[in-house]
Amino acid sequence: MTAPDDRERTIRTLIELAAGNNPTDCWDDRRARELLRSQSTADELRALGVADDVIAEIFPSA
C-alpha cells in the first residue's frame, strides 16, 4: 500500500467517525471532525464522495 492509499484510508475512517450519530461516540465524532479539518479540505472530501451535510459539519464555512 502506498502513502496516498494510506492517507485516503485514514480520511475515510475519520469520515465514518465524524458522520456517526451515536451519543456514546460524541468525543470520537468531535475529534474526527477536528482531524479532518486539519488533514483535509472540503474539496478533497467532495472528491471522495462525502455528503454535503457532513462537509458542512466539518467545515462550517465551506
PDB file of N, CA and C in Angstrom:
ATOM      1  N   MET A   1       0.846  -1.183   0.000  1.00  0.00           N
ATOM      2  CA  MET A   1       0.000   0.000   0.000  1.00  0.00           C
ATOM      3  C   MET A   1       0.885   1.239   0.000  1.00  0.00           C
ATOM      4  N   THR A   2       0.509   2.218  -0.766  1.00  0.00           N
ATOM      5  CA  THR A   2       1.304   3.435  -0.871  1.00  0.00           C
ATOM      6  C   THR A   2       0.816   4.476   0.125  1.00  0.00           C
ATOM      7  N   ALA A   3       1.615   5.508   0.290  1.00  0.00           N
ATOM      8  CA  ALA A   3       1.252   6.590   1.213  1.00  0.00           C
ATOM      9  C   ALA A   3      -0.080   7.240   0.840  1.00  0.00           C
ATOM     10  N   PRO A   4      -0.350   7.534  -0.459  1.00  0.00           N
ATOM     11  CA  PRO A   4      -1.664   8.105  -0.803  1.00  0.00           C
ATOM     12  C   PRO A   4      -2.812   7.160  -0.449  1.00  0.00           C
ATOM     13  N   ASP A   5      -2.600   5.846  -0.612  1.00  0.00           N
ATOM     14  CA  ASP A   5      -3.641   4.888  -0.233  1.00  0.00           C
ATOM     15  C   ASP A   5      -3.882   4.908   1.269  1.00  0.00           C
ATOM     16  N   ASP A   6      -2.799   4.975   2.039  1.00  0.00           N
ATOM     17  CA  ASP A   6      -2.918   5.056   3.495  1.00  0.00           C
ATOM     18  C   ASP A   6      -3.657   6.326   3.903  1.00  0.00           C
ATOM     19  N   ARG A   7      -3.316   7.424   3.269  1.00  0.00           N
ATOM     20  CA  ARG A   7      -3.966   8.705   3.578  1.00  0.00           C
ATOM     21  C   ARG A   7      -5.460   8.632   3.288  1.00  0.00           C
ATOM     22  N   GLU A   8      -5.825   8.098   2.132  1.00  0.00           N
ATOM     23  CA  GLU A   8      -7.246   8.005   1.785  1.00  0.00           C
ATOM     24  C   GLU A   8      -7.977   7.084   2.762  1.00  0.00           C
ATOM     25  N   ARG A   9      -7.365   5.975   3.129  1.00  0.00           N
ATOM     26  CA  ARG A   9      -7.994   5.062   4.091  1.00  0.00           C
ATOM     27  C   ARG A   9      -8.203   5.758   5.436  1.00  0.00           C
ATOM     28  N   THR A  10      -7.209   6.512   5.870  1.00  0.00           N
ATOM     29  CA  THR A  10      -7.333   7.250   7.132  1.00  0.00           C
ATOM     30  C   THR A  10      -8.452   8.280   7.050  1.00  0.00           C
ATOM     31  N   ILE A  11      -8.495   9.031   5.963  1.00  0.00           N
ATOM     32  CA  ILE A  11      -9.537  10.050   5.811  1.00  0.00           C
ATOM     33  C   ILE A  11     -10.916   9.398   5.763  1.00  0.00           C
ATOM     34  N   ARG A  12     -11.052   8.280   5.058  1.00  0.00           N
ATOM     35  CA  ARG A  12     -12.347   7.585   5.001  1.00  0.00           C
ATOM     36  C   ARG A  12     -12.773   7.099   6.389  1.00  0.00           C
ATOM     37  N   THR A  13     -11.839   6.622   7.178  1.00  0.00           N
ATOM     38  CA  THR A  13     -12.154   6.187   8.541  1.00  0.00           C
ATOM     39  C   THR A  13     -12.611   7.367   9.387  1.00  0.00           C
ATOM     40  N   LEU A  14     -11.916   8.499   9.266  1.00  0.00           N
ATOM     41  CA  LEU A  14     -12.317   9.697  10.002  1.00  0.00           C
ATOM     42  C   LEU A  14     -13.689  10.187   9.559  1.00  0.00           C
ATOM     43  N   ILE A  15     -13.991  10.081   8.270  1.00  0.00           N
ATOM     44  CA  ILE A  15     -15.299  10.480   7.758  1.00  0.00           C
ATOM     45  C   ILE A  15     -16.391   9.644   8.423  1.00  0.00           C
ATOM     46  N   GLU A  16     -16.170   8.336   8.495  1.00  0.00           N
ATOM     47  CA  GLU A  16     -17.149   7.457   9.134  1.00  0.00           C
ATOM     48  C   GLU A  16     -17.365   7.843  10.594  1.00  0.00           C
ATOM     49  N   LEU A  17     -16.284   8.130  11.299  1.00  0.00           N
ATOM     50  CA  LEU A  17     -16.404   8.545  12.698  1.00  0.00           C
ATOM     51  C   LEU A  17     -17.108   9.892  12.825  1.00  0.00           C
ATOM     52  N   ALA A  18     -16.753  10.834  11.968  1.00  0.00           N
ATOM     53  CA  ALA A  18     -17.336  12.178  12.036  1.00  0.00           C
ATOM     54  C   ALA A  18     -18.817  12.167  11.702  1.00  0.00           C
ATOM     55  N   ALA A  19     -19.230  11.259  10.836  1.00  0.00           N
ATOM     56  CA  ALA A  19     -20.628  11.209  10.418  1.00  0.00           C
ATOM     57  C   ALA A  19     -21.497  10.432  11.398  1.00  0.00           C
ATOM     58  N   GLY A  20     -20.893   9.779  12.355  1.00  0.00           N
ATOM     59  CA  GLY A  20     -21.650   8.978  13.318  1.00  0.00           C
ATOM     60  C   GLY A  20     -22.569   9.821  14.176  1.00  0.00           C
ATOM     61  N   ASN A  21     -23.674   9.229  14.576  1.00  0.00           N
ATOM     62  CA  ASN A  21     -24.654   9.937  15.401  1.00  0.00           C
ATOM     63  C   ASN A  21     -24.904   9.242  16.728  1.00  0.00           C
ATOM     64  N   ASN A  22     -24.024   8.379  17.127  1.00  0.00           N
ATOM     65  CA  ASN A  22     -24.178   7.660  18.373  1.00  0.00           C
ATOM     66  C   ASN A  22     -23.752   8.559  19.530  1.00  0.00           C
ATOM     67  N   PRO A  23     -24.633   8.786  20.507  1.00  0.00           N
ATOM     68  CA  PRO A  23     -24.281   9.676  21.633  1.00  0.00           C
ATOM     69  C   PRO A  23     -23.030   9.237  22.379  1.00  0.00           C
ATOM     70  N   THR A  24     -22.759   7.940  22.427  1.00  0.00           N
ATOM     71  CA  THR A  24     -21.565   7.480  23.135  1.00  0.00           C
ATOM     72  C   THR A  24     -20.300   7.757  22.341  1.00  0.00           C
ATOM     73  N   ASP A  25     -20.435   8.102  21.057  1.00  0.00           N
ATOM     74  CA  ASP A  25     -19.287   8.416  20.215  1.00  0.00           C
ATOM     75  C   ASP A  25     -19.003   9.909  20.147  1.00  0.00           C
ATOM     76  N   CYS A  26     -19.621  10.695  20.985  1.00  0.00           N
ATOM     77  CA  CYS A  26     -19.526  12.148  20.912  1.00  0.00           C
ATOM     78  C   CYS A  26     -18.078  12.616  20.840  1.00  0.00           C
ATOM     79  N   TRP A  27     -17.225  12.154  21.727  1.00  0.00           N
ATOM     80  CA  TRP A  27     -15.826  12.587  21.712  1.00  0.00           C
ATOM     81  C   TRP A  27     -15.167  12.191  20.405  1.00  0.00           C
ATOM     82  N   ASP A  28     -15.396  10.927  19.969  1.00  0.00           N
ATOM     83  CA  ASP A  28     -14.796  10.454  18.722  1.00  0.00           C
ATOM     84  C   ASP A  28     -15.270  11.277  17.538  1.00  0.00           C
ATOM     85  N   ASP A  29     -16.564  11.596  17.497  1.00  0.00           N
ATOM     86  CA  ASP A  29     -17.108  12.406  16.403  1.00  0.00           C
ATOM     87  C   ASP A  29     -16.410  13.759  16.344  1.00  0.00           C
ATOM     88  N   ARG A  30     -16.335  14.419  17.483  1.00  0.00           N
ATOM     89  CA  ARG A  30     -15.727  15.751  17.551  1.00  0.00           C
ATOM     90  C   ARG A  30     -14.248  15.697  17.181  1.00  0.00           C
ATOM     91  N   ARG A  31     -13.548  14.725  17.700  1.00  0.00           N
ATOM     92  CA  ARG A  31     -12.118  14.584  17.413  1.00  0.00           C
ATOM     93  C   ARG A  31     -11.895  14.248  15.938  1.00  0.00           C
ATOM     94  N   ALA A  32     -12.737  13.393  15.383  1.00  0.00           N
ATOM     95  CA  ALA A  32     -12.617  13.056  13.960  1.00  0.00           C
ATOM     96  C   ALA A  32     -12.826  14.289  13.096  1.00  0.00           C
ATOM     97  N   ARG A  33     -13.801  15.125  13.444  1.00  0.00           N
ATOM     98  CA  ARG A  33     -14.038  16.356  12.685  1.00  0.00           C
ATOM     99  C   ARG A  33     -12.830  17.290  12.766  1.00  0.00           C
ATOM    100  N   GLU A  34     -12.250  17.402  13.968  1.00  0.00           N
ATOM    101  CA  GLU A  34     -11.068  18.251  14.136  1.00  0.00           C
ATOM    102  C   GLU A  34      -9.908  17.734  13.278  1.00  0.00           C
ATOM    103  N   LEU A  35      -9.712  16.429  13.273  1.00  0.00           N
ATOM    104  CA  LEU A  35      -8.637  15.843  12.472  1.00  0.00           C
ATOM    105  C   LEU A  35      -8.892  16.032  10.979  1.00  0.00           C
ATOM    106  N   LEU A  36     -10.138  15.859  10.550  1.00  0.00           N
ATOM    107  CA  LEU A  36     -10.455  16.064   9.137  1.00  0.00           C
ATOM    108  C   LEU A  36     -10.209  17.511   8.726  1.00  0.00           C
ATOM    109  N   ARG A  37     -10.573  18.467   9.600  1.00  0.00           N
ATOM    110  CA  ARG A  37     -10.315  19.880   9.296  1.00  0.00           C
ATOM    111  C   ARG A  37      -8.828  20.146   9.133  1.00  0.00           C
ATOM    112  N   SER A  38      -8.020  19.501   9.961  1.00  0.00           N
ATOM    113  CA  SER A  38      -6.577  19.779   9.910  1.00  0.00           C
ATOM    114  C   SER A  38      -5.846  18.957   8.844  1.00  0.00           C
ATOM    115  N   GLN A  39      -6.432  17.865   8.399  1.00  0.00           N
ATOM    116  CA  GLN A  39      -5.726  16.964   7.490  1.00  0.00           C
ATOM    117  C   GLN A  39      -6.296  16.900   6.078  1.00  0.00           C
ATOM    118  N   SER A  40      -7.409  17.601   5.826  1.00  0.00           N
ATOM    119  CA  SER A  40      -8.033  17.542   4.501  1.00  0.00           C
ATOM    120  C   SER A  40      -8.685  18.883   4.182  1.00  0.00           C
ATOM    121  N   THR A  41      -9.325  18.924   3.030  1.00  0.00           N
ATOM    122  CA  THR A  41     -10.065  20.115   2.634  1.00  0.00           C
ATOM    123  C   THR A  41     -11.478  19.702   2.247  1.00  0.00           C
ATOM    124  N   ALA A  42     -12.379  20.667   2.188  1.00  0.00           N
ATOM    125  CA  ALA A  42     -13.744  20.381   1.766  1.00  0.00           C
ATOM    126  C   ALA A  42     -13.751  19.818   0.347  1.00  0.00           C
ATOM    127  N   ASP A  43     -12.923  20.356  -0.519  1.00  0.00           N
ATOM    128  CA  ASP A  43     -12.859  19.859  -1.894  1.00  0.00           C
ATOM    129  C   ASP A  43     -12.373  18.411  -1.955  1.00  0.00           C
ATOM    130  N   GLU A  44     -11.400  18.090  -1.125  1.00  0.00           N
ATOM    131  CA  GLU A  44     -10.904  16.717  -1.092  1.00  0.00           C
ATOM    132  C   GLU A  44     -12.003  15.762  -0.630  1.00  0.00           C
ATOM    133  N   LEU A  45     -12.765  16.169   0.377  1.00  0.00           N
ATOM    134  CA  LEU A  45     -13.849  15.325   0.864  1.00  0.00           C
ATOM    135  C   LEU A  45     -14.934  15.165  -0.185  1.00  0.00           C
ATOM    136  N   ARG A  46     -15.243  16.239  -0.909  1.00  0.00           N
ATOM    137  CA  ARG A  46     -16.222  16.145  -2.005  1.00  0.00           C
ATOM    138  C   ARG A  46     -15.758  15.146  -3.054  1.00  0.00           C
ATOM    139  N   ALA A  47     -14.468  15.177  -3.372  1.00  0.00           N
ATOM    140  CA  ALA A  47     -13.919  14.255  -4.364  1.00  0.00           C
ATOM    141  C   ALA A  47     -14.017  12.805  -3.902  1.00  0.00           C
ATOM    142  N   LEU A  48     -14.047  12.594  -2.597  1.00  0.00           N
ATOM    143  CA  LEU A  48     -14.193  11.245  -2.047  1.00  0.00           C
ATOM    144  C   LEU A  48     -15.657  10.836  -1.908  1.00  0.00           C
ATOM    145  N   GLY A  49     -16.568  11.742  -2.280  1.00  0.00           N
ATOM    146  CA  GLY A  49     -17.989  11.423  -2.257  1.00  0.00           C
ATOM    147  C   GLY A  49     -18.693  11.676  -0.940  1.00  0.00           C
ATOM    148  N   VAL A  50     -18.109  12.509  -0.095  1.00  0.00           N
ATOM    149  CA  VAL A  50     -18.725  12.826   1.192  1.00  0.00           C
ATOM    150  C   VAL A  50     -19.935  13.725   0.963  1.00  0.00           C
ATOM    151  N   ALA A  51     -21.009  13.440   1.670  1.00  0.00           N
ATOM    152  CA  ALA A  51     -22.242  14.210   1.541  1.00  0.00           C
ATOM    153  C   ALA A  51     -22.027  15.655   1.981  1.00  0.00           C
ATOM    154  N   ASP A  52     -22.736  16.566   1.316  1.00  0.00           N
ATOM    155  CA  ASP A  52     -22.604  17.996   1.619  1.00  0.00           C
ATOM    156  C   ASP A  52     -22.940  18.323   3.063  1.00  0.00           C
ATOM    157  N   ASP A  53     -23.918  17.636   3.664  1.00  0.00           N
ATOM    158  CA  ASP A  53     -24.269  17.939   5.055  1.00  0.00           C
ATOM    159  C   ASP A  53     -23.141  17.546   6.010  1.00  0.00           C
ATOM    160  N   VAL A  54     -22.425  16.473   5.700  1.00  0.00           N
ATOM    161  CA  VAL A  54     -21.292  16.078   6.537  1.00  0.00           C
ATOM    162  C   VAL A  54     -20.158  17.082   6.358  1.00  0.00           C
ATOM    163  N   ILE A  55     -19.911  17.501   5.132  1.00  0.00           N
ATOM    164  CA  ILE A  55     -18.873  18.513   4.884  1.00  0.00           C
ATOM    165  C   ILE A  55     -19.210  19.808   5.620  1.00  0.00           C
ATOM    166  N   ALA A  56     -20.483  20.196   5.620  1.00  0.00           N
ATOM    167  CA  ALA A  56     -20.903  21.418   6.313  1.00  0.00           C
ATOM    168  C   ALA A  56     -20.643  21.318   7.814  1.00  0.00           C
ATOM    169  N   GLU A  57     -20.761  20.120   8.379  1.00  0.00           N
ATOM    170  CA  GLU A  57     -20.472  19.949   9.811  1.00  0.00           C
ATOM    171  C   GLU A  57     -18.969  20.029  10.072  1.00  0.00           C
ATOM    172  N   ILE A  58     -18.179  19.513   9.154  1.00  0.00           N
ATOM    173  CA  ILE A  58     -16.737  19.504   9.333  1.00  0.00           C
ATOM    174  C   ILE A  58     -16.127  20.867   9.029  1.00  0.00           C
ATOM    175  N   PHE A  59     -16.608  21.483   7.952  1.00  0.00           N
ATOM    176  CA  PHE A  59     -16.145  22.813   7.517  1.00  0.00           C
ATOM    177  C   PHE A  59     -17.344  23.755   7.467  1.00  0.00           C
ATOM    178  N   PRO A  60     -17.767  24.311   8.601  1.00  0.00           N
ATOM    179  CA  PRO A  60     -18.981  25.143   8.626  1.00  0.00           C
ATOM    180  C   PRO A  60     -18.966  26.307   7.644  1.00  0.00           C
ATOM    181  N   SER A  61     -17.801  26.803   7.266  1.00  0.00           N
ATOM    182  CA  SER A  61     -17.749  27.947   6.359  1.00  0.00           C
ATOM    183  C   SER A  61     -17.601  27.529   4.900  1.00  0.00           C
ATOM    184  N   ALA A  62     -17.579  26.220   4.620  1.00  0.00           N
ATOM    185  CA  ALA A  62     -17.373  25.735   3.235  1.00  0.00           C
ATOM    186  C   ALA A  62     -18.636  25.890   2.405  1.00  0.00           C
TER     187      ALA A  62
END
